[in-house]
Amino acid sequence: MAAKEMYDYLDTVAADVDVTLGAGDYAVHPEFSVPELGVKNQIIHLGDDGSEEVIDLTDSVYFTTSFSWRSLTEAQSGSLFDLFYDSAKANCMASSIKWTHPTDGHIYVIKFRSFMQRDPVAAGVYDIAGLKVKIIGKIADV
């Protein structure tokens, strides 16, 4: 665990749906190498003299990343497809769900921010790449 991580900067929030990517029926952890990009909602006004004024619209921070999976079985890709498209679950980009981070062990609340593209690469084998995710908060550690 890093000395500081995104968990330390996120607000504690509740997910819209009590479903967890990375656990139970959705235990397939994404493979990702995209860094955690932290964002704070701010506006920067530039003056004619090169000066800046920054306006904070919120104190909250959110992070973004991308998930990818390679060589999924039909069952694994079907579970992810169901999680993403089912209106009682993530409902594409509409509802937030929980995600168990595979390396830091914390549970985060996420929303998908792009559509899922599932590519058949061989008989019964699928890839899902570049699924953008907004990490909007955390579930408090117990």
Protein backbone atom coordinates (compact mmCIF):
# COMPACT_ATOMS: atom_id res chain seq x y z
CA MET A 1 0.00 0.00 0.00
CA ALA A 2 1.28 3.45 -0.89
CA ALA A 3 1.79 6.13 1.76
CA LYS A 4 -1.11 8.01 0.16
CA GLU A 5 -3.61 6.59 -2.28
CA MET A 6 -6.84 7.64 -3.92
CA TYR A 7 -8.77 6.14 -0.99
CA ASP A 8 -7.39 8.95 1.20
CA TYR A 9 -8.91 11.69 -0.96
CA LEU A 10 -12.32 10.31 -1.84
CA ASP A 11 -15.56 10.97 0.04
CA THR A 12 -17.45 8.08 1.58
CA VAL A 13 -20.54 7.46 -0.55
CA ALA A 14 -23.17 4.78 -1.07
CA ALA A 15 -23.48 2.96 -4.37
CA ASP A 16 -26.81 3.16 -6.21
CA VAL A 17 -26.82 -0.64 -6.56
CA ASP A 18 -25.40 -3.21 -4.13
CA VAL A 19 -23.35 -5.09 -6.72
CA THR A 20 -19.55 -5.40 -6.55
CA LEU A 21 -17.22 -5.74 -9.52
CA GLY A 22 -14.29 -7.89 -8.41
CA ALA A 23 -16.34 -10.06 -6.01
CA GLY A 24 -19.00 -12.78 -6.09
CA ASP A 25 -20.55 -13.33 -9.52
CA TYR A 26 -18.38 -10.53 -10.91
CA ALA A 27 -15.01 -11.63 -9.48
CA VAL A 28 -13.10 -11.07 -12.72
CA HIS A 29 -10.57 -8.35 -11.92
CA PRO A 30 -9.69 -5.98 -14.73
CA GLU A 31 -6.21 -5.81 -16.13
CA PHE A 32 -5.30 -2.17 -16.35
CA SER A 33 -2.19 -0.11 -16.70
CA VAL A 34 -3.90 3.25 -17.01
CA PRO A 35 -2.87 5.51 -14.12
CA GLU A 36 -5.31 6.89 -11.59
CA LEU A 37 -6.10 10.35 -12.91
CA GLY A 38 -7.38 12.62 -10.13
CA VAL A 39 -9.72 15.48 -10.94
CA LYS A 40 -11.22 18.29 -8.90
CA ASN A 41 -14.00 20.42 -10.36
CA GLN A 42 -12.27 23.77 -10.82
CA ILE A 43 -12.36 26.66 -13.26
CA ILE A 44 -9.22 28.61 -14.13
CA HIS A 45 -9.56 32.22 -15.32
CA LEU A 46 -6.48 33.61 -17.05
CA GLY A 47 -5.74 37.32 -16.80
CA ASP A 48 -4.30 39.44 -19.60
CA ASP A 49 -1.11 39.74 -17.58
CA GLY A 50 -0.68 35.95 -17.36
CA SER A 51 -2.06 35.70 -13.84
CA GLU A 52 -4.51 32.98 -12.88
CA GLU A 53 -7.51 32.78 -10.61
CA VAL A 54 -8.72 29.30 -9.67
CA ILE A 55 -12.29 28.81 -8.54
CA ASP A 56 -13.07 25.61 -6.64
CA LEU A 57 -16.57 24.41 -7.47
CA THR A 58 -16.30 21.59 -4.93
CA ASP A 59 -13.86 20.18 -2.42
CA SER A 60 -14.56 16.66 -3.67
CA VAL A 61 -12.10 14.74 -5.82
CA TYR A 62 -12.84 11.95 -8.24
CA PHE A 63 -10.53 9.70 -10.21
CA THR A 64 -10.76 8.10 -13.62
CA THR A 65 -9.17 5.02 -15.10
CA SER A 66 -9.84 2.39 -17.75
CA PHE A 67 -10.52 -1.31 -17.35
CA SER A 68 -9.54 -4.01 -19.81
CA TRP A 69 -9.92 -7.77 -19.74
CA ARG A 70 -8.22 -10.26 -22.07
CA SER A 71 -9.02 -13.89 -22.84
CA LEU A 72 -12.28 -14.05 -20.92
CA THR A 73 -14.38 -17.19 -21.08
CA GLU A 74 -17.96 -16.97 -22.32
CA ALA A 75 -19.18 -17.14 -18.71
CA GLN A 76 -16.81 -14.37 -17.52
CA SER A 77 -17.62 -12.04 -20.41
CA GLY A 78 -21.33 -12.82 -19.98
CA SER A 79 -21.16 -11.84 -16.30
CA LEU A 80 -19.51 -8.51 -17.17
CA PHE A 81 -22.01 -7.95 -20.00
CA ASP A 82 -24.85 -8.58 -17.53
CA LEU A 83 -23.34 -6.26 -14.90
CA PHE A 84 -22.95 -3.47 -17.45
CA TYR A 85 -26.25 -3.68 -19.37
CA ASP A 86 -28.78 -4.92 -16.79
CA SER A 87 -31.06 -2.04 -15.77
CA ALA A 88 -31.09 -3.38 -12.19
CA LYS A 89 -27.28 -3.20 -12.05
CA ALA A 90 -24.96 -0.63 -13.66
CA ASN A 91 -27.51 0.11 -16.39
CA CYS A 92 -24.68 1.15 -18.73
CA MET A 93 -23.58 4.53 -17.35
CA ALA A 94 -26.63 5.32 -15.21
CA SER A 95 -26.05 3.66 -11.84
CA SER A 96 -23.05 3.48 -9.54
CA ILE A 97 -21.78 0.13 -8.30
CA LYS A 98 -19.01 -1.01 -5.98
CA TRP A 99 -15.58 -2.17 -7.13
CA THR A 100 -12.99 -4.08 -5.09
CA HIS A 101 -9.58 -2.75 -6.10
CA PRO A 102 -7.36 -5.76 -6.90
CA THR A 103 -4.17 -4.36 -5.33
CA ASP A 104 -5.03 -1.89 -2.56
CA GLY A 105 -7.92 -3.94 -1.15
CA HIS A 106 -10.31 -1.00 -0.72
CA ILE A 107 -13.85 -0.90 -2.06
CA TYR A 108 -14.70 2.06 -4.27
CA VAL A 109 -17.91 3.36 -5.82
CA ILE A 110 -17.70 3.66 -9.61
CA LYS A 111 -19.73 4.61 -12.65
CA PHE A 112 -18.94 3.48 -16.14
CA ARG A 113 -18.20 6.37 -18.50
CA SER A 114 -18.01 4.65 -21.88
CA PHE A 115 -19.87 1.89 -23.63
CA MET A 116 -18.63 -1.67 -23.42
CA GLN A 117 -17.08 -3.23 -26.49
CA ARG A 118 -16.75 -7.00 -26.34
CA ASP A 119 -14.55 -8.52 -29.01
CA PRO A 120 -14.62 -12.23 -29.84
CA VAL A 121 -10.98 -13.26 -30.35
CA ALA A 122 -11.49 -17.02 -30.66
CA ALA A 123 -14.25 -19.56 -30.12
CA GLY A 124 -15.61 -18.84 -26.65
CA VAL A 125 -12.88 -16.27 -25.84
CA TYR A 126 -13.53 -12.54 -25.53
CA ASP A 127 -11.64 -9.32 -24.87
CA ILE A 128 -13.14 -6.17 -23.37
CA ALA A 129 -10.84 -3.18 -23.68
CA GLY A 130 -10.81 0.48 -22.76
CA LEU A 131 -13.91 0.63 -20.57
CA LYS A 132 -13.66 4.07 -18.96
CA VAL A 133 -14.57 4.34 -15.28
CA LYS A 134 -15.19 7.27 -12.95
CA ILE A 135 -14.28 6.50 -9.32
CA ILE A 136 -16.66 8.76 -7.42
CA GLY A 137 -16.13 7.67 -3.85
CA LYS A 138 -15.23 4.96 -1.39
CA ILE A 139 -16.88 2.55 0.98
CA ALA A 140 -15.42 3.11 4.46
CA ASP A 141 -13.09 0.34 5.63
CA VAL A 142 -14.51 -1.74 8.44
